[in-house]
PDB file of N, CA and C in Angstrom:
ATOM      1  N   SER A   1      15.330  31.706   6.175  1.00  0.00           N
ATOM      2  CA  SER A   1      15.186  31.811   5.070  1.00  0.00           C
ATOM      3  C   SER A   1      14.601  30.112   5.289  1.00  0.00           C
ATOM      4  N   LEU A   2      13.791  30.140   3.803  1.00  0.00           N
ATOM      5  CA  LEU A   2      12.947  29.248   3.445  1.00  0.00           C
ATOM      6  C   LEU A   2      14.544  27.736   3.226  1.00  0.00           C
ATOM      7  N   ARG A   3      15.180  29.034   2.514  1.00  0.00           N
ATOM      8  CA  ARG A   3      16.910  27.859   2.106  1.00  0.00           C
ATOM      9  C   ARG A   3      17.444  27.191   3.217  1.00  0.00           C
ATOM     10  N   THR A   4      17.463  28.026   4.988  1.00  0.00           N
ATOM     11  CA  THR A   4      17.731  27.134   5.635  1.00  0.00           C
ATOM     12  C   THR A   4      16.881  26.063   6.863  1.00  0.00           C
ATOM     13  N   ILE A   5      15.671  26.057   6.832  1.00  0.00           N
ATOM     14  CA  ILE A   5      14.560  24.605   7.429  1.00  0.00           C
ATOM     15  C   ILE A   5      14.997  23.835   6.494  1.00  0.00           C
ATOM     16  N   GLN A   6      14.708  24.278   4.756  1.00  0.00           N
ATOM     17  CA  GLN A   6      14.517  23.163   3.927  1.00  0.00           C
ATOM     18  C   GLN A   6      16.681  22.240   4.217  1.00  0.00           C
ATOM     19  N   ARG A   7      17.139  22.810   4.935  1.00  0.00           N
ATOM     20  CA  ARG A   7      18.828  22.623   5.323  1.00  0.00           C
ATOM     21  C   ARG A   7      18.040  21.445   6.398  1.00  0.00           C
ATOM     22  N   VAL A   8      18.024  22.611   7.908  1.00  0.00           N
ATOM     23  CA  VAL A   8      17.386  21.601   9.196  1.00  0.00           C
ATOM     24  C   VAL A   8      16.696  20.462   8.310  1.00  0.00           C
ATOM     25  N   GLU A   9      15.417  20.935   8.194  1.00  0.00           N
ATOM     26  CA  GLU A   9      14.628  19.396   7.527  1.00  0.00           C
ATOM     27  C   GLU A   9      15.166  18.336   7.085  1.00  0.00           C
ATOM     28  N   ARG A  10      16.462  18.597   5.793  1.00  0.00           N
ATOM     29  CA  ARG A  10      17.541  17.475   5.421  1.00  0.00           C
ATOM     30  C   ARG A  10      18.480  16.445   6.027  1.00  0.00           C
ATOM     31  N   TYR A  11      18.680  17.554   6.662  1.00  0.00           N
ATOM     32  CA  TYR A  11      20.281  17.135   7.362  1.00  0.00           C
ATOM     33  C   TYR A  11      20.034  16.759   8.792  1.00  0.00           C
ATOM     34  N   GLY A  12      18.870  17.737   9.745  1.00  0.00           N
ATOM     35  CA  GLY A  12      18.599  17.642  10.748  1.00  0.00           C
ATOM     36  C   GLY A  12      19.747  17.970  12.115  1.00  0.00           C
ATOM     37  N   ASN A  13      20.621  18.926  11.341  1.00  0.00           N
ATOM     38  CA  ASN A  13      21.102  19.834  12.134  1.00  0.00           C
ATOM     39  C   ASN A  13      21.086  21.331  12.038  1.00  0.00           C
ATOM     40  N   ALA A  14      20.913  22.543  13.530  1.00  0.00           N
ATOM     41  CA  ALA A  14      20.885  22.882  12.854  1.00  0.00           C
ATOM     42  C   ALA A  14      22.298  24.106  14.485  1.00  0.00           C
ATOM     43  N   SER A  15      22.596  25.438  13.392  1.00  0.00           N
ATOM     44  CA  SER A  15      22.766  26.342  14.062  1.00  0.00           C
ATOM     45  C   SER A  15      21.906  26.294  15.410  1.00  0.00           C
ATOM     46  N   ASN A  16      23.115  27.253  16.200  1.00  0.00           N
ATOM     47  CA  ASN A  16      22.086  27.616  17.952  1.00  0.00           C
ATOM     48  C   ASN A  16      21.230  29.016  17.243  1.00  0.00           C
ATOM     49  N   ASP A  17      22.162  30.052  16.831  1.00  0.00           N
ATOM     50  CA  ASP A  17      21.048  30.544  16.498  1.00  0.00           C
ATOM     51  C   ASP A  17      19.895  29.964  15.359  1.00  0.00           C
ATOM     52  N   THR A  18      19.962  28.906  14.953  1.00  0.00           N
ATOM     53  CA  THR A  18      18.714  29.324  13.833  1.00  0.00           C
ATOM     54  C   THR A  18      17.330  27.901  15.001  1.00  0.00           C
ATOM     55  N   LEU A  19      18.284  27.862  15.497  1.00  0.00           N
ATOM     56  CA  LEU A  19      17.780  26.889  16.215  1.00  0.00           C
ATOM     57  C   LEU A  19      16.826  28.189  17.420  1.00  0.00           C
ATOM     58  N   LEU A  20      17.469  28.747  18.239  1.00  0.00           N
ATOM     59  CA  LEU A  20      16.693  30.098  18.912  1.00  0.00           C
ATOM     60  C   LEU A  20      15.713  30.769  18.176  1.00  0.00           C
ATOM     61  N   GLY A  21      15.875  30.968  16.547  1.00  0.00           N
ATOM     62  CA  GLY A  21      14.774  31.007  15.674  1.00  0.00           C
ATOM     63  C   GLY A  21      13.901  30.227  15.917  1.00  0.00           C
ATOM     64  N   LEU A  22      13.777  29.240  15.280  1.00  0.00           N
ATOM     65  CA  LEU A  22      12.709  28.010  15.367  1.00  0.00           C
ATOM     66  C   LEU A  22      11.963  28.428  16.435  1.00  0.00           C
ATOM     67  N   CYS A  23      13.014  28.014  17.990  1.00  0.00           N
ATOM     68  CA  CYS A  23      11.791  28.212  19.290  1.00  0.00           C
ATOM     69  C   CYS A  23      11.180  29.463  19.122  1.00  0.00           C
ATOM     70  N   SER A  24      11.532  30.403  19.143  1.00  0.00           N
ATOM     71  CA  SER A  24      10.737  31.821  18.621  1.00  0.00           C
ATOM     72  C   SER A  24       9.421  31.806  17.981  1.00  0.00           C
ATOM     73  N   VAL A  25       9.648  31.372  17.081  1.00  0.00           N
ATOM     74  CA  VAL A  25       8.649  31.375  15.769  1.00  0.00           C
ATOM     75  C   VAL A  25       7.807  30.476  16.545  1.00  0.00           C
ATOM     76  N   PHE A  26       8.586  28.965  16.980  1.00  0.00           N
ATOM     77  CA  PHE A  26       7.301  28.345  17.666  1.00  0.00           C
ATOM     78  C   PHE A  26       6.441  28.086  18.657  1.00  0.00           C
ATOM     79  N   GLU A  27       7.269  29.072  19.883  1.00  0.00           N
ATOM     80  CA  GLU A  27       6.867  29.450  20.912  1.00  0.00           C
ATOM     81  C   GLU A  27       7.038  28.121  22.318  1.00  0.00           C
ATOM     82  N   VAL A  28       8.416  27.712  21.702  1.00  0.00           N
ATOM     83  CA  VAL A  28       8.802  26.194  22.422  1.00  0.00           C
ATOM     84  C   VAL A  28       9.765  26.387  22.971  1.00  0.00           C
ATOM     85  N   ASN A  29      10.262  25.322  23.962  1.00  0.00           N
ATOM     86  CA  ASN A  29      11.497  25.576  24.614  1.00  0.00           C
ATOM     87  C   ASN A  29      12.812  24.827  23.582  1.00  0.00           C
ATOM     88  N   THR A  30      13.808  24.979  23.937  1.00  0.00           N
ATOM     89  CA  THR A  30      14.646  24.311  23.111  1.00  0.00           C
ATOM     90  C   THR A  30      14.844  23.098  23.681  1.00  0.00           C
ATOM     91  N   ALA A  31      14.793  22.518  24.421  1.00  0.00           N
ATOM     92  CA  ALA A  31      14.443  21.439  25.061  1.00  0.00           C
ATOM     93  C   ALA A  31      13.438  19.960  23.891  1.00  0.00           C
ATOM     94  N   ASP A  32      12.473  21.256  24.120  1.00  0.00           N
ATOM     95  CA  ASP A  32      11.613  20.112  23.407  1.00  0.00           C
ATOM     96  C   ASP A  32      11.881  19.721  22.020  1.00  0.00           C
ATOM     97  N   ILE A  33      13.060  20.628  21.303  1.00  0.00           N
ATOM     98  CA  ILE A  33      13.021  20.540  19.627  1.00  0.00           C
ATOM     99  C   ILE A  33      14.450  19.752  19.801  1.00  0.00           C
ATOM    100  N   LEU A  34      15.488  19.997  20.312  1.00  0.00           N
ATOM    101  CA  LEU A  34      16.030  18.879  20.228  1.00  0.00           C
ATOM    102  C   LEU A  34      15.607  16.788  20.243  1.00  0.00           C
ATOM    103  N   ALA A  35      16.476  16.681  19.890  1.00  0.00           N
ATOM    104  CA  ALA A  35      15.919  14.767  19.979  1.00  0.00           C
ATOM    105  C   ALA A  35      17.283  14.082  20.920  1.00  0.00           C
ATOM    106  N   CYS A  36      16.934  13.300  21.621  1.00  0.00           N
ATOM    107  CA  CYS A  36      18.025  12.860  22.565  1.00  0.00           C
ATOM    108  C   CYS A  36      18.136  11.921  21.707  1.00  0.00           C
ATOM    109  N   ASP A  37      19.426  11.087  21.937  1.00  0.00           N
ATOM    110  CA  ASP A  37      20.080   9.916  21.996  1.00  0.00           C
ATOM    111  C   ASP A  37      19.108   8.649  22.261  1.00  0.00           C
ATOM    112  N   SER A  38      18.973   8.726  22.747  1.00  0.00           N
ATOM    113  CA  SER A  38      17.644   7.864  23.076  1.00  0.00           C
ATOM    114  C   SER A  38      16.542   7.009  22.206  1.00  0.00           C
ATOM    115  N   ASP A  39      16.126   8.131  21.880  1.00  0.00           N
ATOM    116  CA  ASP A  39      15.195   8.356  20.962  1.00  0.00           C
ATOM    117  C   ASP A  39      15.441   8.464  19.066  1.00  0.00           C
ATOM    118  N   ILE A  40      16.865   7.932  19.449  1.00  0.00           N
ATOM    119  CA  ILE A  40      17.427   8.152  17.475  1.00  0.00           C
ATOM    120  C   ILE A  40      17.647   7.010  17.409  1.00  0.00           C
ATOM    121  N   THR A  41      17.896   6.436  18.608  1.00  0.00           N
ATOM    122  CA  THR A  41      18.539   4.952  18.838  1.00  0.00           C
ATOM    123  C   THR A  41      17.210   4.173  18.675  1.00  0.00           C
ATOM    124  N   LEU A  42      15.987   4.583  19.750  1.00  0.00           N
ATOM    125  CA  LEU A  42      14.772   3.471  19.284  1.00  0.00           C
ATOM    126  C   LEU A  42      14.167   3.906  18.131  1.00  0.00           C
ATOM    127  N   GLU A  43      13.989   4.877  16.519  1.00  0.00           N
ATOM    128  CA  GLU A  43      13.423   5.701  15.827  1.00  0.00           C
ATOM    129  C   GLU A  43      13.890   4.337  15.373  1.00  0.00           C
ATOM    130  N   GLY A  44      15.344   3.994  15.043  1.00  0.00           N
ATOM    131  CA  GLY A  44      16.806   2.968  14.006  1.00  0.00           C
ATOM    132  C   GLY A  44      16.375   1.978  14.499  1.00  0.00           C
ATOM    133  N   ALA A  45      15.908   1.244  15.583  1.00  0.00           N
ATOM    134  CA  ALA A  45      15.789   0.021  15.934  1.00  0.00           C
ATOM    135  C   ALA A  45      14.707  -0.402  15.503  1.00  0.00           C
ATOM    136  N   GLN A  46      13.705   0.454  14.839  1.00  0.00           N
ATOM    137  CA  GLN A  46      12.524   0.534  14.485  1.00  0.00           C
ATOM    138  C   GLN A  46      12.558  -0.037  13.475  1.00  0.00           C
ATOM    139  N   ILE A  47      12.921   0.956  13.064  1.00  0.00           N
ATOM    140  CA  ILE A  47      13.286   0.947  10.916  1.00  0.00           C
ATOM    141  C   ILE A  47      13.715  -0.886  10.637  1.00  0.00           C
ATOM    142  N   ASN A  48      15.228  -1.039  11.922  1.00  0.00           N
ATOM    143  CA  ASN A  48      15.524  -2.015  11.172  1.00  0.00           C
ATOM    144  C   ASN A  48      14.694  -2.948  11.339  1.00  0.00           C
ATOM    145  N   LYS A  49      13.356  -3.077  12.530  1.00  0.00           N
ATOM    146  CA  LYS A  49      12.624  -4.512  12.843  1.00  0.00           C
ATOM    147  C   LYS A  49      11.902  -4.092  11.483  1.00  0.00           C
ATOM    148  N   ASN A  50      11.193  -3.530  10.990  1.00  0.00           N
ATOM    149  CA  ASN A  50      10.201  -3.262  10.163  1.00  0.00           C
ATOM    150  C   ASN A  50      11.358  -4.438   8.641  1.00  0.00           C
ATOM    151  N   GLU A  51      12.907  -3.297   8.978  1.00  0.00           N
ATOM    152  CA  GLU A  51      13.179  -3.776   7.568  1.00  0.00           C
ATOM    153  C   GLU A  51      13.104  -5.957   7.806  1.00  0.00           C
ATOM    154  N   ASN A  52      13.136  -6.030   8.949  1.00  0.00           N
ATOM    155  CA  ASN A  52      13.619  -7.371   9.045  1.00  0.00           C
ATOM    156  C   ASN A  52      12.181  -8.531   8.839  1.00  0.00           C
ATOM    157  N   VAL A  53      11.319  -7.840   9.344  1.00  0.00           N
ATOM    158  CA  VAL A  53       9.698  -8.274   9.387  1.00  0.00           C
ATOM    159  C   VAL A  53       9.096  -7.967   7.560  1.00  0.00           C
ATOM    160  N   SER A  54       9.983  -7.063   6.218  1.00  0.00           N
ATOM    161  CA  SER A  54       9.060  -6.722   5.395  1.00  0.00           C
ATOM    162  C   SER A  54      10.722  -7.864   4.939  1.00  0.00           C
ATOM    163  N   PHE A  55      11.559  -8.677   4.690  1.00  0.00           N
ATOM    164  CA  PHE A  55      12.269  -8.757   4.154  1.00  0.00           C
ATOM    165  C   PHE A  55      11.897 -10.535   4.072  1.00  0.00           C
ATOM    166  N   PHE A  56      11.919 -11.115   5.519  1.00  0.00           N
ATOM    167  CA  PHE A  56      10.923 -12.602   5.876  1.00  0.00           C
ATOM    168  C   PHE A  56       9.674 -12.630   5.343  1.00  0.00           C
ATOM    169  N   SER A  57       8.619 -11.365   5.182  1.00  0.00           N
ATOM    170  CA  SER A  57       7.300 -11.977   4.348  1.00  0.00           C
ATOM    171  C   SER A  57       7.784 -11.838   3.209  1.00  0.00           C
ATOM    172  N   LEU A  58       8.944 -11.513   2.410  1.00  0.00           N
ATOM    173  CA  LEU A  58       8.579 -11.567   1.117  1.00  0.00           C
ATOM    174  C   LEU A  58       9.400 -12.727   0.380  1.00  0.00           C
ATOM    175  N   THR A  59      10.559 -12.575   1.285  1.00  0.00           N
ATOM    176  CA  THR A  59      11.213 -14.291   1.113  1.00  0.00           C
ATOM    177  C   THR A  59      10.391 -15.883   1.473  1.00  0.00           C
ATOM    178  N   ILE A  60       8.537 -15.386   2.814  1.00  0.00           N
ATOM    179  CA  ILE A  60       8.321 -16.418   2.254  1.00  0.00           C
ATOM    180  C   ILE A  60       6.718 -16.373   1.158  1.00  0.00           C
ATOM    181  N   ALA A  61       6.548 -15.314   0.839  1.00  0.00           N
ATOM    182  CA  ALA A  61       5.625 -14.929  -0.359  1.00  0.00           C
ATOM    183  C   ALA A  61       6.502 -15.767  -2.057  1.00  0.00           C
ATOM    184  N   MET A  62       7.792 -15.368  -1.898  1.00  0.00           N
ATOM    185  CA  MET A  62       8.468 -16.074  -3.129  1.00  0.00           C
ATOM    186  C   MET A  62       8.382 -17.547  -3.415  1.00  0.00           C
ATOM    187  N   PHE A  63       8.715 -17.799  -1.475  1.00  0.00           N
ATOM    188  CA  PHE A  63       8.756 -19.223  -1.808  1.00  0.00           C
ATOM    189  C   PHE A  63       6.825 -19.925  -2.072  1.00  0.00           C
ATOM    190  N   ILE A  64       6.230 -19.240  -1.700  1.00  0.00           N
ATOM    191  CA  ILE A  64       5.300 -19.631  -1.837  1.00  0.00           C
ATOM    192  C   ILE A  64       4.637 -19.953  -3.243  1.00  0.00           C
ATOM    193  N   GLY A  65       5.258 -18.835  -3.854  1.00  0.00           N
ATOM    194  CA  GLY A  65       4.783 -17.747  -5.214  1.00  0.00           C
ATOM    195  C   GLY A  65       5.774 -18.944  -6.024  1.00  0.00           C
ATOM    196  N   VAL A  66       6.983 -19.467  -5.846  1.00  0.00           N
ATOM    197  CA  VAL A  66       7.756 -20.981  -6.526  1.00  0.00           C
ATOM    198  C   VAL A  66       7.189 -22.141  -6.610  1.00  0.00           C
ATOM    199  N   ILE A  67       6.260 -22.351  -5.119  1.00  0.00           N
ATOM    200  CA  ILE A  67       5.881 -23.581  -5.245  1.00  0.00           C
ATOM    201  C   ILE A  67       4.160 -23.781  -6.267  1.00  0.00           C
ATOM    202  N   ILE A  68       3.488 -22.841  -5.900  1.00  0.00           N
ATOM    203  CA  ILE A  68       2.264 -22.490  -6.660  1.00  0.00           C
ATOM    204  C   ILE A  68       2.138 -22.992  -8.524  1.00  0.00           C
ATOM    205  N   GLY A  69       3.155 -21.681  -8.513  1.00  0.00           N
ATOM    206  CA  GLY A  69       4.346 -21.951 -10.194  1.00  0.00           C
ATOM    207  C   GLY A  69       4.636 -23.644 -10.541  1.00  0.00           C
ATOM    208  N   SER A  70       5.101 -24.267  -9.662  1.00  0.00           N
ATOM    209  CA  SER A  70       5.419 -25.824 -10.161  1.00  0.00           C
ATOM    210  C   SER A  70       4.165 -26.371 -10.169  1.00  0.00           C
ATOM    211  N   LEU A  71       3.920 -25.914  -9.525  1.00  0.00           N
ATOM    212  CA  LEU A  71       2.431 -27.234  -9.418  1.00  0.00           C
ATOM    213  C   LEU A  71       0.939 -26.454 -10.751  1.00  0.00           C
ATOM    214  N   ILE A  72       1.576 -25.320 -10.815  1.00  0.00           N
ATOM    215  CA  ILE A  72       0.716 -25.257 -11.604  1.00  0.00           C
ATOM    216  C   ILE A  72       1.916 -25.785 -13.560  1.00  0.00           C
ATOM    217  N   THR A  73       2.369 -25.103 -13.879  1.00  0.00           N
ATOM    218  CA  THR A  73       3.326 -26.070 -14.700  1.00  0.00           C
ATOM    219  C   THR A  73       3.008 -27.381 -14.323  1.00  0.00           C
ATOM    220  N   TRP A  74       3.303 -28.413 -13.735  1.00  0.00           N
ATOM    221  CA  TRP A  74       3.255 -30.135 -13.494  1.00  0.00           C
ATOM    222  C   TRP A  74       1.918 -30.367 -13.792  1.00  0.00           C
ATOM    223  N   MET A  75       0.652 -29.372 -13.514  1.00  0.00           N
ATOM    224  CA  MET A  75      -0.355 -29.560 -13.725  1.00  0.00           C
ATOM    225  C   MET A  75      -0.608 -29.696 -15.149  1.00  0.00           C
ATOM    226  N   ILE A  76      -0.399 -28.585 -15.588  1.00  0.00           N
ATOM    227  CA  ILE A  76      -0.064 -28.892 -18.201  1.00  0.00           C
ATOM    228  C   ILE A  76       0.345 -29.691 -18.152  1.00  0.00           C
ATOM    229  N   VAL A  77       1.844 -29.924 -18.104  1.00  0.00           N
ATOM    230  CA  VAL A  77       2.861 -30.830 -18.317  1.00  0.00           C
ATOM    231  C   VAL A  77       2.039 -32.479 -18.428  1.00  0.00           C
ATOM    232  N   SER A  78       1.508 -32.168 -17.220  1.00  0.00           N
ATOM    233  CA  SER A  78       0.889 -34.209 -17.086  1.00  0.00           C
ATOM    234  C   SER A  78      -0.081 -33.646 -17.590  1.00  0.00           C
ATOM    235  N   VAL A  79      -0.757 -33.198 -18.214  1.00  0.00           N
ATOM    236  CA  VAL A  79      -1.985 -33.271 -18.907  1.00  0.00           C
ATOM    237  C   VAL A  79      -2.005 -33.901 -20.825  1.00  0.00           C
ATOM    238  N   ILE A  80      -1.017 -32.696 -21.171  1.00  0.00           N
ATOM    239  CA  ILE A  80      -0.477 -32.887 -22.170  1.00  0.00           C
ATOM    240  C   ILE A  80       0.204 -34.409 -22.363  1.00  0.00           C
TER     241      ILE A  80
END
């Protein structure tokens, strides 16, 4: 049923009957559908790496913004 498919997509786990039904519909083996622990670990490592890069980029952008804002403020104040 649609609800079962949504539950599998959301939580990532399914009963054996659901797994066999999905394999039958898509005409694949159960080994092709099941994720290995190493696959999950690699995906998690990639997500953590992307988060570190995003945080670093945001920190650099904020630092540059503070410097540019300070320079503009200093230029305006020194003219007055």
